Structures are given as C-alpha cells and as structure tokens.
N, C-alpha and C. Protein backbone atom coordinates (compact mmCIF):
# COMPACT_ATOMS: atom_id res chain seq x y z
N MET A 1 40.64 45.01 23.68
CA MET A 1 39.78 46.07 23.22
C MET A 1 39.04 45.60 21.98
N SER A 2 37.79 45.80 21.94
CA SER A 2 37.00 45.38 20.78
C SER A 2 36.99 46.48 19.73
N ASN A 3 36.82 46.06 18.49
CA ASN A 3 36.76 47.00 17.38
C ASN A 3 35.32 47.50 17.26
N THR A 4 35.15 48.79 17.32
CA THR A 4 33.83 49.38 17.25
C THR A 4 33.71 50.21 15.99
N ILE A 5 32.63 49.99 15.24
CA ILE A 5 32.37 50.76 14.04
C ILE A 5 31.18 51.65 14.31
N ARG A 6 31.31 52.92 13.99
CA ARG A 6 30.21 53.86 14.15
C ARG A 6 29.90 54.43 12.77
N HIS A 7 28.64 54.67 12.52
CA HIS A 7 28.21 55.28 11.26
C HIS A 7 27.77 56.71 11.55
N TYR A 8 28.23 57.63 10.71
CA TYR A 8 27.89 59.04 10.89
C TYR A 8 27.83 59.69 9.51
N ARG A 9 26.68 60.22 9.17
CA ARG A 9 26.46 60.91 7.89
C ARG A 9 26.89 60.07 6.69
N GLY A 10 26.57 58.79 6.74
CA GLY A 10 26.86 57.89 5.63
C GLY A 10 28.29 57.38 5.57
N LEU A 11 29.09 57.70 6.55
CA LEU A 11 30.49 57.24 6.59
C LEU A 11 30.69 56.30 7.77
N GLU A 12 31.72 55.48 7.68
CA GLU A 12 32.08 54.58 8.78
C GLU A 12 33.25 55.19 9.55
N ILE A 13 33.17 55.13 10.87
CA ILE A 13 34.22 55.65 11.74
C ILE A 13 34.80 54.47 12.52
N TYR A 14 36.11 54.31 12.42
CA TYR A 14 36.81 53.25 13.15
C TYR A 14 37.78 53.89 14.14
N PRO A 15 37.44 53.94 15.43
CA PRO A 15 38.37 54.48 16.41
C PRO A 15 39.58 53.53 16.56
N LEU A 16 40.76 54.10 16.61
CA LEU A 16 41.99 53.33 16.76
C LEU A 16 42.70 53.82 18.01
N VAL A 17 42.83 52.95 18.99
CA VAL A 17 43.42 53.31 20.28
C VAL A 17 44.60 52.39 20.53
N TYR A 18 45.71 52.95 20.97
CA TYR A 18 46.91 52.15 21.20
C TYR A 18 47.71 52.76 22.35
N PRO A 19 48.50 51.92 23.03
CA PRO A 19 49.29 52.42 24.16
C PRO A 19 50.27 53.51 23.72
N HIS A 20 50.43 54.52 24.55
CA HIS A 20 51.34 55.63 24.25
C HIS A 20 52.79 55.15 24.19
N GLN A 21 53.12 54.25 25.05
CA GLN A 21 54.49 53.73 25.11
C GLN A 21 54.51 52.31 24.54
N PRO A 22 55.41 52.02 23.60
CA PRO A 22 55.45 50.67 23.02
C PRO A 22 55.88 49.62 24.04
N ARG A 23 55.65 48.36 23.68
CA ARG A 23 56.06 47.26 24.55
C ARG A 23 57.58 47.26 24.75
N ASP A 24 57.97 46.77 25.92
CA ASP A 24 59.40 46.55 26.17
C ASP A 24 59.86 45.35 25.36
N ARG A 25 61.15 45.15 25.31
CA ARG A 25 61.69 43.99 24.60
C ARG A 25 61.19 42.68 25.18
N ASP A 26 60.91 42.68 26.47
CA ASP A 26 60.41 41.46 27.12
C ASP A 26 58.90 41.29 26.95
N GLY A 27 58.24 42.21 26.22
CA GLY A 27 56.82 42.11 25.95
C GLY A 27 55.93 42.83 26.95
N ALA A 28 56.52 43.42 27.98
CA ALA A 28 55.73 44.12 29.00
C ALA A 28 55.04 45.34 28.39
N ARG A 29 53.79 45.53 28.76
CA ARG A 29 53.01 46.67 28.29
C ARG A 29 52.98 47.75 29.36
N HIS A 30 52.78 48.98 28.93
CA HIS A 30 52.78 50.12 29.85
C HIS A 30 51.48 50.91 29.72
N TYR A 31 50.38 50.27 30.06
CA TYR A 31 49.09 50.94 29.96
C TYR A 31 49.00 52.13 30.90
N ASP A 32 49.78 52.12 31.97
CA ASP A 32 49.75 53.23 32.92
C ASP A 32 50.35 54.50 32.32
N ALA A 33 51.04 54.40 31.18
CA ALA A 33 51.61 55.57 30.51
C ALA A 33 50.56 56.28 29.65
N GLY A 34 49.37 55.70 29.54
CA GLY A 34 48.29 56.32 28.79
C GLY A 34 48.15 55.77 27.38
N PHE A 35 47.25 56.39 26.62
CA PHE A 35 46.90 55.91 25.29
C PHE A 35 46.89 57.06 24.29
N ASP A 36 47.20 56.73 23.05
CA ASP A 36 47.08 57.65 21.93
C ASP A 36 45.91 57.18 21.08
N ALA A 37 45.43 58.07 20.21
CA ALA A 37 44.27 57.71 19.40
C ALA A 37 44.40 58.26 17.98
N ALA A 38 43.79 57.53 17.07
CA ALA A 38 43.64 57.95 15.69
C ALA A 38 42.25 57.47 15.27
N VAL A 39 41.86 57.82 14.07
CA VAL A 39 40.55 57.38 13.58
C VAL A 39 40.63 57.19 12.07
N ARG A 40 40.03 56.13 11.59
CA ARG A 40 39.93 55.88 10.15
C ARG A 40 38.49 56.16 9.75
N ILE A 41 38.33 57.00 8.73
CA ILE A 41 37.01 57.32 8.19
C ILE A 41 36.92 56.69 6.81
N CYS A 42 35.87 55.90 6.59
CA CYS A 42 35.72 55.16 5.33
C CYS A 42 34.35 55.45 4.70
N ARG A 43 34.33 55.33 3.38
CA ARG A 43 33.08 55.40 2.63
C ARG A 43 32.94 54.08 1.89
N ARG A 44 31.74 53.52 1.91
CA ARG A 44 31.46 52.29 1.18
C ARG A 44 30.55 52.59 0.00
N GLY A 45 30.80 51.88 -1.10
CA GLY A 45 29.97 52.02 -2.28
C GLY A 45 28.72 51.18 -2.14
N SER A 46 27.88 51.19 -3.16
CA SER A 46 26.63 50.44 -3.13
C SER A 46 26.85 48.93 -3.09
N ASP A 47 28.03 48.49 -3.49
CA ASP A 47 28.35 47.06 -3.46
C ASP A 47 29.05 46.65 -2.16
N HIS A 48 29.05 47.53 -1.16
CA HIS A 48 29.62 47.30 0.17
C HIS A 48 31.14 47.19 0.17
N ILE A 49 31.78 47.65 -0.88
CA ILE A 49 33.24 47.68 -0.94
C ILE A 49 33.70 49.08 -0.56
N VAL A 50 34.76 49.16 0.26
CA VAL A 50 35.30 50.46 0.66
C VAL A 50 35.80 51.18 -0.58
N THR A 51 35.26 52.37 -0.82
CA THR A 51 35.65 53.15 -1.99
C THR A 51 36.64 54.25 -1.64
N GLY A 52 36.74 54.57 -0.36
CA GLY A 52 37.67 55.60 0.08
C GLY A 52 37.91 55.49 1.56
N SER A 53 39.10 55.85 1.98
CA SER A 53 39.45 55.74 3.39
C SER A 53 40.55 56.75 3.70
N ARG A 54 40.49 57.34 4.88
CA ARG A 54 41.53 58.27 5.30
C ARG A 54 41.75 58.11 6.80
N LEU A 55 43.01 58.22 7.21
CA LEU A 55 43.38 58.08 8.61
C LEU A 55 43.74 59.45 9.18
N PHE A 56 43.25 59.75 10.37
CA PHE A 56 43.51 61.02 11.05
C PHE A 56 44.04 60.74 12.45
N GLN A 57 45.12 61.39 12.80
CA GLN A 57 45.66 61.32 14.16
C GLN A 57 44.86 62.28 15.03
N VAL A 58 44.41 61.83 16.18
CA VAL A 58 43.66 62.69 17.10
C VAL A 58 44.66 63.55 17.87
N PRO A 59 44.58 64.87 17.73
CA PRO A 59 45.54 65.74 18.43
C PRO A 59 45.30 65.73 19.94
N SER A 60 46.38 65.69 20.68
CA SER A 60 46.29 65.72 22.13
C SER A 60 47.63 66.21 22.67
N THR A 61 47.58 67.03 23.70
CA THR A 61 48.82 67.54 24.29
C THR A 61 49.48 66.53 25.20
N SER A 62 48.73 65.53 25.63
CA SER A 62 49.28 64.47 26.47
C SER A 62 48.47 63.20 26.21
N PRO A 63 49.02 62.04 26.60
CA PRO A 63 48.28 60.79 26.38
C PRO A 63 46.94 60.79 27.13
N PHE A 64 45.97 60.07 26.57
CA PHE A 64 44.68 59.90 27.25
C PHE A 64 44.87 58.94 28.42
N ASP A 65 44.16 59.20 29.53
CA ASP A 65 44.31 58.40 30.74
C ASP A 65 43.82 56.96 30.58
N ALA A 66 42.78 56.77 29.77
CA ALA A 66 42.17 55.44 29.64
C ALA A 66 41.80 55.18 28.18
N ALA A 67 41.73 53.92 27.81
CA ALA A 67 41.39 53.53 26.45
C ALA A 67 40.00 54.02 26.07
N GLY A 68 39.06 53.96 26.99
CA GLY A 68 37.70 54.42 26.72
C GLY A 68 37.64 55.90 26.42
N VAL A 69 38.41 56.67 27.13
CA VAL A 69 38.46 58.12 26.90
C VAL A 69 39.05 58.40 25.52
N ALA A 70 40.09 57.66 25.15
CA ALA A 70 40.71 57.83 23.84
C ALA A 70 39.74 57.44 22.73
N ARG A 71 38.97 56.39 22.95
CA ARG A 71 37.98 55.95 21.95
C ARG A 71 36.90 57.01 21.75
N ILE A 72 36.41 57.57 22.82
CA ILE A 72 35.41 58.63 22.74
C ILE A 72 35.99 59.85 22.02
N ALA A 73 37.23 60.21 22.33
CA ALA A 73 37.87 61.36 21.68
C ALA A 73 38.03 61.12 20.19
N SER A 74 38.38 59.90 19.79
CA SER A 74 38.57 59.63 18.36
C SER A 74 37.25 59.70 17.61
N THR A 75 36.18 59.22 18.20
CA THR A 75 34.87 59.29 17.56
C THR A 75 34.41 60.74 17.44
N SER A 76 34.60 61.50 18.49
CA SER A 76 34.22 62.92 18.47
C SER A 76 35.04 63.68 17.43
N TYR A 77 36.33 63.40 17.36
CA TYR A 77 37.19 64.08 16.39
C TYR A 77 36.75 63.74 14.96
N ALA A 78 36.41 62.48 14.72
CA ALA A 78 35.95 62.08 13.39
C ALA A 78 34.69 62.84 12.99
N GLU A 79 33.75 62.98 13.91
CA GLU A 79 32.53 63.72 13.61
C GLU A 79 32.84 65.18 13.29
N GLN A 80 33.78 65.78 14.00
CA GLN A 80 34.17 67.17 13.73
C GLN A 80 34.82 67.29 12.35
N VAL A 81 35.66 66.32 11.99
CA VAL A 81 36.29 66.33 10.66
C VAL A 81 35.22 66.20 9.58
N ILE A 82 34.31 65.26 9.76
CA ILE A 82 33.24 65.04 8.78
C ILE A 82 32.38 66.30 8.63
N ASP A 83 32.13 66.99 9.73
CA ASP A 83 31.32 68.21 9.70
C ASP A 83 32.08 69.43 9.19
N GLY A 84 33.38 69.27 8.89
CA GLY A 84 34.19 70.37 8.38
C GLY A 84 34.60 71.38 9.42
N MET A 85 34.65 70.97 10.67
CA MET A 85 34.95 71.89 11.77
C MET A 85 36.43 71.90 12.18
N VAL A 86 37.28 71.09 11.51
CA VAL A 86 38.69 71.02 11.87
C VAL A 86 39.51 71.64 10.74
N ALA A 87 40.16 72.76 11.02
CA ALA A 87 40.96 73.44 10.01
C ALA A 87 42.09 72.54 9.52
N GLY A 88 42.24 72.47 8.21
CA GLY A 88 43.33 71.68 7.63
C GLY A 88 43.03 70.20 7.46
N GLN A 89 41.86 69.73 7.91
CA GLN A 89 41.49 68.33 7.78
C GLN A 89 40.20 68.24 6.95
N SER A 90 40.17 67.30 6.04
CA SER A 90 39.01 67.19 5.17
C SER A 90 38.79 65.75 4.73
N ILE A 91 37.55 65.43 4.45
CA ILE A 91 37.23 64.10 3.91
C ILE A 91 36.97 64.20 2.41
N ALA A 92 37.30 65.34 1.82
CA ALA A 92 37.11 65.52 0.38
C ALA A 92 37.85 64.41 -0.36
N GLY A 93 37.20 63.84 -1.33
CA GLY A 93 37.82 62.79 -2.13
C GLY A 93 37.55 61.39 -1.63
N LEU A 94 36.82 61.25 -0.54
CA LEU A 94 36.50 59.90 -0.06
C LEU A 94 35.43 59.28 -0.91
C-alpha cells in the first residue's frame, strides 16, 4: 500500500490503513479479515516543519472489506473532523 498525502483546508491528511487481525506467529497475514483505519492530521509551518499533529481512529462497527474502502473512509473522516462535524473530536491546537 502506498502512502497518500491529501491536503484539505491547509492541513495534511495521512490515511492509515492496517489489517484488522495481526499477523500470526508464522508471519501469515489475514487480509480476508478486513481492515481498520485511522488518520493523522498535520499542520506545517512556513518553514515546512510539522508544527502540530493529531491521530484519530476512524469509528466503524466492523472491519472495512478492502484497504481502498478504509483509505476513503479515513480521508472522509478527516475532512469531517477538520470541518468540525464530529462531536468530541477537534483539531484545535494544531
């Protein structure tokens, strides 16, 4: 999976997607168990150094079926947080 950076309202959005079930001891992966998602929202200063960052877990009642779906959900959730549409979540202080 490639790392994708999206810019929205002057902030950087980093979707974080990972398998719902961890690897077995033998290293086997379980992508068929679905994916979970989080998102990191960052602000950069004028010198291109990250001045603030916050991580948000994307709420879901069950794992996402595919990595692409989880990535889209994390980007959408970040935009909702940035727009102040998610109760209890804020980017204040970034």
